[in-house]
Amino acid sequence: MLGNLKVFKSVLATEKAIQLLNGGTKLINRKSHVVSYRSAPPPHSKATRIGAVAVGGAMWWWVIWHLWHEPDHITGEFDYPNAAKWSNFHLGIPRDEK
C-alpha cells in the first residue's frame, strides 16, 4: 500500500514539474475534426439521419422496382433472336446477280 502511495506522489510531482516547465505554452485546440479513439463521436443531426434514410429508401425502391419490372436487366437472361428467321436483306447482304 505504501509503495503505491509513493508511486502516486511521484507521478503527481512529475506532472507538476511538467506543468511548471510548460507554464508559458498554450495548447492549440482547433477542433477541425473528430477524434474518437476512446470516445463515441458526436451524434448526427436529425436532418442527416432523415436524409440517410431517404437515400437508402430510394435506393431499395429502385432495386426492387427493377427486379419486379425488368428482371432480365439485372439477372442478364435476355431472349436471343432466332438467327434462322433473318434474311439477307435484314443483314445487309446484297443479292447475288447472275
PDB file of N, CA and C in Angstrom:
ATOM      1  N   MET A   1       0.824  -1.202   0.000  1.00  0.00           N
ATOM      2  CA  MET A   1       0.000   0.000   0.000  1.00  0.00           C
ATOM      3  C   MET A   1       0.863   1.259   0.000  1.00  0.00           C
ATOM      4  N   LEU A   2       1.904   1.250   0.839  1.00  0.00           N
ATOM      5  CA  LEU A   2       2.763   2.425   0.915  1.00  0.00           C
ATOM      6  C   LEU A   2       3.551   2.607  -0.373  1.00  0.00           C
ATOM      7  N   GLY A   3       3.904   1.497  -1.032  1.00  0.00           N
ATOM      8  CA  GLY A   3       4.624   1.591  -2.301  1.00  0.00           C
ATOM      9  C   GLY A   3       3.769   2.268  -3.359  1.00  0.00           C
ATOM     10  N   ASN A   4       2.491   1.921  -3.403  1.00  0.00           N
ATOM     11  CA  ASN A   4       1.582   2.546  -4.360  1.00  0.00           C
ATOM     12  C   ASN A   4       1.416   4.031  -4.076  1.00  0.00           C
ATOM     13  N   LEU A   5       1.397   4.396  -2.810  1.00  0.00           N
ATOM     14  CA  LEU A   5       1.252   5.799  -2.431  1.00  0.00           C
ATOM     15  C   LEU A   5       2.476   6.605  -2.858  1.00  0.00           C
ATOM     16  N   LYS A   6       3.674   6.001  -2.697  1.00  0.00           N
ATOM     17  CA  LYS A   6       4.897   6.687  -3.116  1.00  0.00           C
ATOM     18  C   LYS A   6       4.906   6.888  -4.633  1.00  0.00           C
ATOM     19  N   VAL A   7       4.481   5.869  -5.375  1.00  0.00           N
ATOM     20  CA  VAL A   7       4.430   5.979  -6.840  1.00  0.00           C
ATOM     21  C   VAL A   7       3.440   7.064  -7.239  1.00  0.00           C
ATOM     22  N   PHE A   8       2.295   7.093  -6.566  1.00  0.00           N
ATOM     23  CA  PHE A   8       1.276   8.094  -6.873  1.00  0.00           C
ATOM     24  C   PHE A   8       1.807   9.504  -6.617  1.00  0.00           C
ATOM     25  N   LYS A   9       2.514   9.695  -5.483  1.00  0.00           N
ATOM     26  CA  LYS A   9       3.074  11.012  -5.168  1.00  0.00           C
ATOM     27  C   LYS A   9       4.136  11.411  -6.187  1.00  0.00           C
ATOM     28  N   SER A  10       4.951  10.444  -6.632  1.00  0.00           N
ATOM     29  CA  SER A  10       5.991  10.784  -7.609  1.00  0.00           C
ATOM     30  C   SER A  10       5.370  11.140  -8.958  1.00  0.00           C
ATOM     31  N   VAL A  11       4.272  10.476  -9.314  1.00  0.00           N
ATOM     32  CA  VAL A  11       3.582  10.812 -10.564  1.00  0.00           C
ATOM     33  C   VAL A  11       3.009  12.215 -10.475  1.00  0.00           C
ATOM     34  N   LEU A  12       2.400  12.549  -9.349  1.00  0.00           N
ATOM     35  CA  LEU A  12       1.863  13.900  -9.162  1.00  0.00           C
ATOM     36  C   LEU A  12       2.976  14.940  -9.207  1.00  0.00           C
ATOM     37  N   ALA A  13       4.106  14.634  -8.587  1.00  0.00           N
ATOM     38  CA  ALA A  13       5.230  15.575  -8.602  1.00  0.00           C
ATOM     39  C   ALA A  13       5.757  15.748 -10.020  1.00  0.00           C
ATOM     40  N   THR A  14       5.812  14.664 -10.788  1.00  0.00           N
ATOM     41  CA  THR A  14       6.276  14.744 -12.173  1.00  0.00           C
ATOM     42  C   THR A  14       5.327  15.599 -13.001  1.00  0.00           C
ATOM     43  N   GLU A  15       4.034  15.408 -12.819  1.00  0.00           N
ATOM     44  CA  GLU A  15       3.051  16.212 -13.557  1.00  0.00           C
ATOM     45  C   GLU A  15       3.183  17.694 -13.206  1.00  0.00           C
ATOM     46  N   LYS A  16       3.399  17.993 -11.925  1.00  0.00           N
ATOM     47  CA  LYS A  16       3.560  19.396 -11.525  1.00  0.00           C
ATOM     48  C   LYS A  16       4.830  19.988 -12.129  1.00  0.00           C
ATOM     49  N   ALA A  17       5.898  19.192 -12.190  1.00  0.00           N
ATOM     50  CA  ALA A  17       7.148  19.681 -12.785  1.00  0.00           C
ATOM     51  C   ALA A  17       6.957  19.968 -14.269  1.00  0.00           C
ATOM     52  N   ILE A  18       6.242  19.103 -14.951  1.00  0.00           N
ATOM     53  CA  ILE A  18       5.983  19.319 -16.380  1.00  0.00           C
ATOM     54  C   ILE A  18       5.132  20.572 -16.572  1.00  0.00           C
ATOM     55  N   GLN A  19       4.150  20.770 -15.705  1.00  0.00           N
ATOM     56  CA  GLN A  19       3.312  21.963 -15.808  1.00  0.00           C
ATOM     57  C   GLN A  19       4.129  23.232 -15.570  1.00  0.00           C
ATOM     58  N   LEU A  20       5.081  23.177 -14.645  1.00  0.00           N
ATOM     59  CA  LEU A  20       5.933  24.346 -14.393  1.00  0.00           C
ATOM     60  C   LEU A  20       6.834  24.632 -15.593  1.00  0.00           C
ATOM     61  N   LEU A  21       7.365  23.571 -16.213  1.00  0.00           N
ATOM     62  CA  LEU A  21       8.225  23.764 -17.377  1.00  0.00           C
ATOM     63  C   LEU A  21       7.443  24.315 -18.563  1.00  0.00           C
ATOM     64  N   ASN A  22       6.226  23.876 -18.725  1.00  0.00           N
ATOM     65  CA  ASN A  22       5.395  24.299 -19.854  1.00  0.00           C
ATOM     66  C   ASN A  22       4.439  25.422 -19.470  1.00  0.00           C
ATOM     67  N   GLY A  23       4.741  26.140 -18.441  1.00  0.00           N
ATOM     68  CA  GLY A  23       3.829  27.153 -17.928  1.00  0.00           C
ATOM     69  C   GLY A  23       3.439  28.216 -18.926  1.00  0.00           C
ATOM     70  N   GLY A  24       4.352  28.648 -19.787  1.00  0.00           N
ATOM     71  CA  GLY A  24       4.050  29.724 -20.719  1.00  0.00           C
ATOM     72  C   GLY A  24       3.465  29.257 -22.037  1.00  0.00           C
ATOM     73  N   THR A  25       3.353  27.960 -22.242  1.00  0.00           N
ATOM     74  CA  THR A  25       2.854  27.466 -23.535  1.00  0.00           C
ATOM     75  C   THR A  25       1.356  27.244 -23.474  1.00  0.00           C
ATOM     76  N   LYS A  26       0.733  27.412 -24.625  1.00  0.00           N
ATOM     77  CA  LYS A  26      -0.704  27.163 -24.731  1.00  0.00           C
ATOM     78  C   LYS A  26      -0.937  25.961 -25.628  1.00  0.00           C
ATOM     79  N   LEU A  27      -1.961  25.253 -25.328  1.00  0.00           N
ATOM     80  CA  LEU A  27      -2.334  24.111 -26.146  1.00  0.00           C
ATOM     81  C   LEU A  27      -3.286  24.587 -27.237  1.00  0.00           C
ATOM     82  N   ILE A  28      -2.948  24.294 -28.473  1.00  0.00           N
ATOM     83  CA  ILE A  28      -3.790  24.709 -29.596  1.00  0.00           C
ATOM     84  C   ILE A  28      -4.854  23.641 -29.814  1.00  0.00           C
ATOM     85  N   ASN A  29      -6.094  24.050 -29.802  1.00  0.00           N
ATOM     86  CA  ASN A  29      -7.207  23.133 -29.996  1.00  0.00           C
ATOM     87  C   ASN A  29      -8.081  23.691 -31.107  1.00  0.00           C
ATOM     88  N   ARG A  30      -7.901  23.183 -32.326  1.00  0.00           N
ATOM     89  CA  ARG A  30      -8.608  23.746 -33.477  1.00  0.00           C
ATOM     90  C   ARG A  30      -9.992  23.145 -33.678  1.00  0.00           C
ATOM     91  N   LYS A  31     -10.214  21.940 -33.214  1.00  0.00           N
ATOM     92  CA  LYS A  31     -11.494  21.238 -33.376  1.00  0.00           C
ATOM     93  C   LYS A  31     -11.898  21.143 -34.845  1.00  0.00           C
ATOM     94  N   SER A  32     -10.912  20.835 -35.691  1.00  0.00           N
ATOM     95  CA  SER A  32     -11.205  20.752 -37.119  1.00  0.00           C
ATOM     96  C   SER A  32     -11.728  19.381 -37.523  1.00  0.00           C
ATOM     97  N   HIS A  33     -11.546  18.397 -36.691  1.00  0.00           N
ATOM     98  CA  HIS A  33     -12.072  17.071 -36.981  1.00  0.00           C
ATOM     99  C   HIS A  33     -12.342  16.357 -35.661  1.00  0.00           C
ATOM    100  N   VAL A  34     -13.029  15.236 -35.770  1.00  0.00           N
ATOM    101  CA  VAL A  34     -13.420  14.500 -34.580  1.00  0.00           C
ATOM    102  C   VAL A  34     -12.423  13.377 -34.351  1.00  0.00           C
ATOM    103  N   VAL A  35     -11.862  13.318 -33.176  1.00  0.00           N
ATOM    104  CA  VAL A  35     -11.003  12.210 -32.798  1.00  0.00           C
ATOM    105  C   VAL A  35     -11.805  11.367 -31.826  1.00  0.00           C
ATOM    106  N   SER A  36     -12.132  10.168 -32.229  1.00  0.00           N
ATOM    107  CA  SER A  36     -12.998   9.333 -31.392  1.00  0.00           C
ATOM    108  C   SER A  36     -12.345   7.981 -31.146  1.00  0.00           C
ATOM    109  N   TYR A  37     -11.095   8.004 -30.710  1.00  0.00           N
ATOM    110  CA  TYR A  37     -10.395   6.754 -30.458  1.00  0.00           C
ATOM    111  C   TYR A  37     -11.003   6.022 -29.269  1.00  0.00           C
ATOM    112  N   ARG A  38     -11.208   6.722 -28.186  1.00  0.00           N
ATOM    113  CA  ARG A  38     -11.747   6.071 -26.996  1.00  0.00           C
ATOM    114  C   ARG A  38     -13.100   6.628 -26.566  1.00  0.00           C
ATOM    115  N   SER A  39     -13.635   7.498 -27.346  1.00  0.00           N
ATOM    116  CA  SER A  39     -14.950   8.042 -27.009  1.00  0.00           C
ATOM    117  C   SER A  39     -15.817   8.034 -28.264  1.00  0.00           C
ATOM    118  N   ALA A  40     -17.088   8.025 -28.055  1.00  0.00           N
ATOM    119  CA  ALA A  40     -18.022   7.995 -29.185  1.00  0.00           C
ATOM    120  C   ALA A  40     -18.010   9.339 -29.902  1.00  0.00           C
ATOM    121  N   PRO A  41     -18.159   9.315 -31.228  1.00  0.00           N
ATOM    122  CA  PRO A  41     -18.239  10.587 -31.951  1.00  0.00           C
ATOM    123  C   PRO A  41     -19.553  11.288 -31.626  1.00  0.00           C
ATOM    124  N   PRO A  42     -19.645  12.562 -31.895  1.00  0.00           N
ATOM    125  CA  PRO A  42     -20.905  13.256 -31.620  1.00  0.00           C
ATOM    126  C   PRO A  42     -22.020  12.701 -32.503  1.00  0.00           C
ATOM    127  N   PRO A  43     -23.237  12.653 -31.996  1.00  0.00           N
ATOM    128  CA  PRO A  43     -24.335  12.089 -32.795  1.00  0.00           C
ATOM    129  C   PRO A  43     -24.640  12.952 -34.018  1.00  0.00           C
ATOM    130  N   HIS A  44     -25.143  12.289 -35.056  1.00  0.00           N
ATOM    131  CA  HIS A  44     -25.511  13.007 -36.273  1.00  0.00           C
ATOM    132  C   HIS A  44     -26.773  13.827 -36.029  1.00  0.00           C
ATOM    133  N   SER A  45     -26.930  14.864 -36.813  1.00  0.00           N
ATOM    134  CA  SER A  45     -28.118  15.701 -36.665  1.00  0.00           C
ATOM    135  C   SER A  45     -29.340  14.959 -37.195  1.00  0.00           C
ATOM    136  N   LYS A  46     -30.501  15.455 -36.835  1.00  0.00           N
ATOM    137  CA  LYS A  46     -31.746  14.827 -37.266  1.00  0.00           C
ATOM    138  C   LYS A  46     -31.892  14.897 -38.782  1.00  0.00           C
ATOM    139  N   ALA A  47     -31.470  16.007 -39.394  1.00  0.00           N
ATOM    140  CA  ALA A  47     -31.547  16.152 -40.854  1.00  0.00           C
ATOM    141  C   ALA A  47     -30.652  15.132 -41.551  1.00  0.00           C
ATOM    142  N   THR A  48     -29.473  14.862 -40.998  1.00  0.00           N
ATOM    143  CA  THR A  48     -28.571  13.874 -41.589  1.00  0.00           C
ATOM    144  C   THR A  48     -29.177  12.484 -41.515  1.00  0.00           C
ATOM    145  N   ARG A  49     -29.774  12.142 -40.375  1.00  0.00           N
ATOM    146  CA  ARG A  49     -30.399  10.819 -40.237  1.00  0.00           C
ATOM    147  C   ARG A  49     -31.575  10.666 -41.195  1.00  0.00           C
ATOM    148  N   ILE A  50     -32.410  11.697 -41.309  1.00  0.00           N
ATOM    149  CA  ILE A  50     -33.562  11.631 -42.215  1.00  0.00           C
ATOM    150  C   ILE A  50     -33.086  11.536 -43.658  1.00  0.00           C
ATOM    151  N   GLY A  51     -32.062  12.305 -44.016  1.00  0.00           N
ATOM    152  CA  GLY A  51     -31.515  12.243 -45.368  1.00  0.00           C
ATOM    153  C   GLY A  51     -30.943  10.873 -45.686  1.00  0.00           C
ATOM    154  N   ALA A  52     -30.244  10.258 -44.730  1.00  0.00           N
ATOM    155  CA  ALA A  52     -29.672   8.933 -44.950  1.00  0.00           C
ATOM    156  C   ALA A  52     -30.769   7.893 -45.152  1.00  0.00           C
ATOM    157  N   VAL A  53     -31.828   7.974 -44.368  1.00  0.00           N
ATOM    158  CA  VAL A  53     -32.938   7.032 -44.524  1.00  0.00           C
ATOM    159  C   VAL A  53     -33.636   7.245 -45.864  1.00  0.00           C
ATOM    160  N   ALA A  54     -33.794   8.495 -46.280  1.00  0.00           N
ATOM    161  CA  ALA A  54     -34.451   8.785 -47.561  1.00  0.00           C
ATOM    162  C   ALA A  54     -33.627   8.263 -48.733  1.00  0.00           C
ATOM    163  N   VAL A  55     -32.321   8.485 -48.712  1.00  0.00           N
ATOM    164  CA  VAL A  55     -31.464   7.998 -49.804  1.00  0.00           C
ATOM    165  C   VAL A  55     -31.435   6.472 -49.817  1.00  0.00           C
ATOM    166  N   GLY A  56     -31.356   5.858 -48.650  1.00  0.00           N
ATOM    167  CA  GLY A  56     -31.387   4.396 -48.582  1.00  0.00           C
ATOM    168  C   GLY A  56     -32.713   3.834 -49.065  1.00  0.00           C
ATOM    169  N   GLY A  57     -33.806   4.493 -48.709  1.00  0.00           N
ATOM    170  CA  GLY A  57     -35.125   4.055 -49.175  1.00  0.00           C
ATOM    171  C   GLY A  57     -35.267   4.175 -50.675  1.00  0.00           C
ATOM    172  N   ALA A  58     -34.753   5.279 -51.248  1.00  0.00           N
ATOM    173  CA  ALA A  58     -34.806   5.456 -52.705  1.00  0.00           C
ATOM    174  C   ALA A  58     -33.983   4.388 -53.410  1.00  0.00           C
ATOM    175  N   MET A  59     -32.841   4.035 -52.849  1.00  0.00           N
ATOM    176  CA  MET A  59     -32.003   3.004 -53.454  1.00  0.00           C
ATOM    177  C   MET A  59     -32.716   1.657 -53.450  1.00  0.00           C
ATOM    178  N   TRP A  60     -33.305   1.277 -52.319  1.00  0.00           N
ATOM    179  CA  TRP A  60     -34.004  -0.009 -52.260  1.00  0.00           C
ATOM    180  C   TRP A  60     -35.241   0.002 -53.151  1.00  0.00           C
ATOM    181  N   TRP A  61     -35.939   1.147 -53.241  1.00  0.00           N
ATOM    182  CA  TRP A  61     -37.086   1.229 -54.156  1.00  0.00           C
ATOM    183  C   TRP A  61     -36.623   0.969 -55.584  1.00  0.00           C
ATOM    184  N   TRP A  62     -35.515   1.578 -56.000  1.00  0.00           N
ATOM    185  CA  TRP A  62     -35.006   1.404 -57.367  1.00  0.00           C
ATOM    186  C   TRP A  62     -34.653  -0.057 -57.627  1.00  0.00           C
ATOM    187  N   VAL A  63     -33.971  -0.691 -56.677  1.00  0.00           N
ATOM    188  CA  VAL A  63     -33.570  -2.094 -56.859  1.00  0.00           C
ATOM    189  C   VAL A  63     -34.794  -2.983 -56.964  1.00  0.00           C
ATOM    190  N   ILE A  64     -35.753  -2.855 -56.055  1.00  0.00           N
ATOM    191  CA  ILE A  64     -36.937  -3.721 -56.061  1.00  0.00           C
ATOM    192  C   ILE A  64     -37.808  -3.433 -57.277  1.00  0.00           C
ATOM    193  N   TRP A  65     -37.945  -2.164 -57.672  1.00  0.00           N
ATOM    194  CA  TRP A  65     -38.722  -1.808 -58.863  1.00  0.00           C
ATOM    195  C   TRP A  65     -38.158  -2.499 -60.099  1.00  0.00           C
ATOM    196  N   HIS A  66     -36.846  -2.430 -60.258  1.00  0.00           N
ATOM    197  CA  HIS A  66     -36.233  -3.032 -61.437  1.00  0.00           C
ATOM    198  C   HIS A  66     -36.204  -4.552 -61.355  1.00  0.00           C
ATOM    199  N   LEU A  67     -36.111  -5.120 -60.179  1.00  0.00           N
ATOM    200  CA  LEU A  67     -36.215  -6.576 -60.063  1.00  0.00           C
ATOM    201  C   LEU A  67     -37.614  -7.045 -60.448  1.00  0.00           C
ATOM    202  N   TRP A  68     -38.627  -6.265 -60.112  1.00  0.00           N
ATOM    203  CA  TRP A  68     -40.001  -6.649 -60.414  1.00  0.00           C
ATOM    204  C   TRP A  68     -40.342  -6.420 -61.888  1.00  0.00           C
ATOM    205  N   HIS A  69     -39.986  -5.264 -62.426  1.00  0.00           N
ATOM    206  CA  HIS A  69     -40.413  -4.899 -63.775  1.00  0.00           C
ATOM    207  C   HIS A  69     -39.431  -5.290 -64.869  1.00  0.00           C
ATOM    208  N   GLU A  70     -38.154  -5.327 -64.574  1.00  0.00           N
ATOM    209  CA  GLU A  70     -37.149  -5.656 -65.585  1.00  0.00           C
ATOM    210  C   GLU A  70     -36.112  -6.614 -65.002  1.00  0.00           C
ATOM    211  N   PRO A  71     -36.524  -7.827 -64.632  1.00  0.00           N
ATOM    212  CA  PRO A  71     -35.551  -8.739 -64.002  1.00  0.00           C
ATOM    213  C   PRO A  71     -34.437  -9.157 -64.958  1.00  0.00           C
ATOM    214  N   ASP A  72     -34.707  -9.119 -66.273  1.00  0.00           N
ATOM    215  CA  ASP A  72     -33.679  -9.524 -67.229  1.00  0.00           C
ATOM    216  C   ASP A  72     -32.491  -8.570 -67.219  1.00  0.00           C
ATOM    217  N   HIS A  73     -32.712  -7.309 -66.905  1.00  0.00           N
ATOM    218  CA  HIS A  73     -31.610  -6.351 -66.889  1.00  0.00           C
ATOM    219  C   HIS A  73     -30.653  -6.626 -65.739  1.00  0.00           C
ATOM    220  N   ILE A  74     -31.157  -7.156 -64.659  1.00  0.00           N
ATOM    221  CA  ILE A  74     -30.306  -7.409 -63.502  1.00  0.00           C
ATOM    222  C   ILE A  74     -29.743  -8.827 -63.541  1.00  0.00           C
ATOM    223  N   THR A  75     -30.569  -9.798 -63.921  1.00  0.00           N
ATOM    224  CA  THR A  75     -30.098 -11.182 -63.947  1.00  0.00           C
ATOM    225  C   THR A  75     -29.341 -11.510 -65.216  1.00  0.00           C
ATOM    226  N   GLY A  76     -29.521 -10.732 -66.286  1.00  0.00           N
ATOM    227  CA  GLY A  76     -28.774 -10.946 -67.518  1.00  0.00           C
ATOM    228  C   GLY A  76     -29.338 -12.033 -68.410  1.00  0.00           C
ATOM    229  N   GLU A  77     -30.562 -12.451 -68.204  1.00  0.00           N
ATOM    230  CA  GLU A  77     -31.173 -13.505 -69.025  1.00  0.00           C
ATOM    231  C   GLU A  77     -32.014 -12.869 -70.125  1.00  0.00           C
ATOM    232  N   PHE A  78     -31.385 -12.559 -71.246  1.00  0.00           N
ATOM    233  CA  PHE A  78     -32.084 -11.958 -72.375  1.00  0.00           C
ATOM    234  C   PHE A  78     -32.499 -13.045 -73.357  1.00  0.00           C
ATOM    235  N   ASP A  79     -33.646 -12.848 -73.997  1.00  0.00           N
ATOM    236  CA  ASP A  79     -34.071 -13.750 -75.067  1.00  0.00           C
ATOM    237  C   ASP A  79     -33.301 -13.385 -76.325  1.00  0.00           C
ATOM    238  N   TYR A  80     -32.627 -14.377 -76.893  1.00  0.00           N
ATOM    239  CA  TYR A  80     -31.871 -14.129 -78.116  1.00  0.00           C
ATOM    240  C   TYR A  80     -32.766 -14.369 -79.316  1.00  0.00           C
ATOM    241  N   PRO A  81     -32.662 -13.533 -80.340  1.00  0.00           N
ATOM    242  CA  PRO A  81     -33.493 -13.729 -81.532  1.00  0.00           C
ATOM    243  C   PRO A  81     -33.055 -14.983 -82.288  1.00  0.00           C
ATOM    244  N   ASN A  82     -34.015 -15.556 -83.003  1.00  0.00           N
ATOM    245  CA  ASN A  82     -33.741 -16.753 -83.795  1.00  0.00           C
ATOM    246  C   ASN A  82     -33.017 -16.331 -85.071  1.00  0.00           C
ATOM    247  N   ALA A  83     -31.791 -16.758 -85.230  1.00  0.00           N
ATOM    248  CA  ALA A  83     -30.987 -16.362 -86.391  1.00  0.00           C
ATOM    249  C   ALA A  83     -31.501 -16.978 -87.681  1.00  0.00           C
ATOM    250  N   ALA A  84     -32.281 -18.059 -87.597  1.00  0.00           N
ATOM    251  CA  ALA A  84     -32.812 -18.701 -88.808  1.00  0.00           C
ATOM    252  C   ALA A  84     -33.864 -17.820 -89.476  1.00  0.00           C
ATOM    253  N   LYS A  85     -34.479 -16.917 -88.742  1.00  0.00           N
ATOM    254  CA  LYS A  85     -35.513 -16.051 -89.304  1.00  0.00           C
ATOM    255  C   LYS A  85     -34.934 -14.820 -89.995  1.00  0.00           C
ATOM    256  N   TRP A  86     -33.643 -14.586 -89.878  1.00  0.00           N
ATOM    257  CA  TRP A  86     -33.042 -13.413 -90.501  1.00  0.00           C
ATOM    258  C   TRP A  86     -32.866 -13.652 -91.993  1.00  0.00           C
ATOM    259  N   SER A  87     -33.147 -12.637 -92.754  1.00  0.00           N
ATOM    260  CA  SER A  87     -32.937 -12.743 -94.208  1.00  0.00           C
ATOM    261  C   SER A  87     -31.689 -11.952 -94.595  1.00  0.00           C
ATOM    262  N   ASN A  88     -31.245 -12.184 -95.820  1.00  0.00           N
ATOM    263  CA  ASN A  88     -30.076 -11.439 -96.301  1.00  0.00           C
ATOM    264  C   ASN A  88     -30.363  -9.942 -96.328  1.00  0.00           C
ATOM    265  N   PHE A  89     -31.613  -9.579 -96.621  1.00  0.00           N
ATOM    266  CA  PHE A  89     -31.990  -8.165 -96.665  1.00  0.00           C
ATOM    267  C   PHE A  89     -31.824  -7.516 -95.287  1.00  0.00           C
ATOM    268  N   HIS A  90     -32.284  -8.218 -94.242  1.00  0.00           N
ATOM    269  CA  HIS A  90     -32.156  -7.692 -92.884  1.00  0.00           C
ATOM    270  C   HIS A  90     -30.704  -7.588 -92.448  1.00  0.00           C
ATOM    271  N   LEU A  91     -29.869  -8.491 -92.953  1.00  0.00           N
ATOM    272  CA  LEU A  91     -28.458  -8.489 -92.575  1.00  0.00           C
ATOM    273  C   LEU A  91     -27.622  -7.550 -93.433  1.00  0.00           C
ATOM    274  N   GLY A  92     -28.223  -6.991 -94.496  1.00  0.00           N
ATOM    275  CA  GLY A  92     -27.493  -6.062 -95.355  1.00  0.00           C
ATOM    276  C   GLY A  92     -26.616  -6.740 -96.388  1.00  0.00           C
ATOM    277  N   ILE A  93     -26.934  -7.979 -96.717  1.00  0.00           N
ATOM    278  CA  ILE A  93     -26.152  -8.710 -97.719  1.00  0.00           C
ATOM    279  C   ILE A  93     -26.790  -8.472 -99.080  1.00  0.00           C
ATOM    280  N   PRO A  94     -26.014  -8.010-100.068  1.00  0.00           N
ATOM    281  CA  PRO A  94     -26.613  -7.743-101.386  1.00  0.00           C
ATOM    282  C   PRO A  94     -27.003  -9.042-102.101  1.00  0.00           C
ATOM    283  N   ARG A  95     -27.915  -8.906-103.072  1.00  0.00           N
ATOM    284  CA  ARG A  95     -28.370 -10.075-103.841  1.00  0.00           C
ATOM    285  C   ARG A  95     -27.252 -10.594-104.746  1.00  0.00           C
ATOM    286  N   ASP A  96     -27.320 -11.870-104.994  1.00  0.00           N
ATOM    287  CA  ASP A  96     -26.409 -12.466-105.977  1.00  0.00           C
ATOM    288  C   ASP A  96     -26.964 -12.190-107.359  1.00  0.00           C
ATOM    289  N   GLU A  97     -26.184 -11.565-108.208  1.00  0.00           N
ATOM    290  CA  GLU A  97     -26.656 -11.257-109.556  1.00  0.00           C
ATOM    291  C   GLU A  97     -26.011 -12.222-110.529  1.00  0.00           C
ATOM    292  N   LYS A  98     -26.860 -13.015-111.199  1.00  0.00           N
ATOM    293  CA  LYS A  98     -26.361 -13.985-112.171  1.00  0.00           C
ATOM    294  C   LYS A  98     -26.922 -13.730-113.514  1.00  0.00           C
TER     295      LYS A  98
END
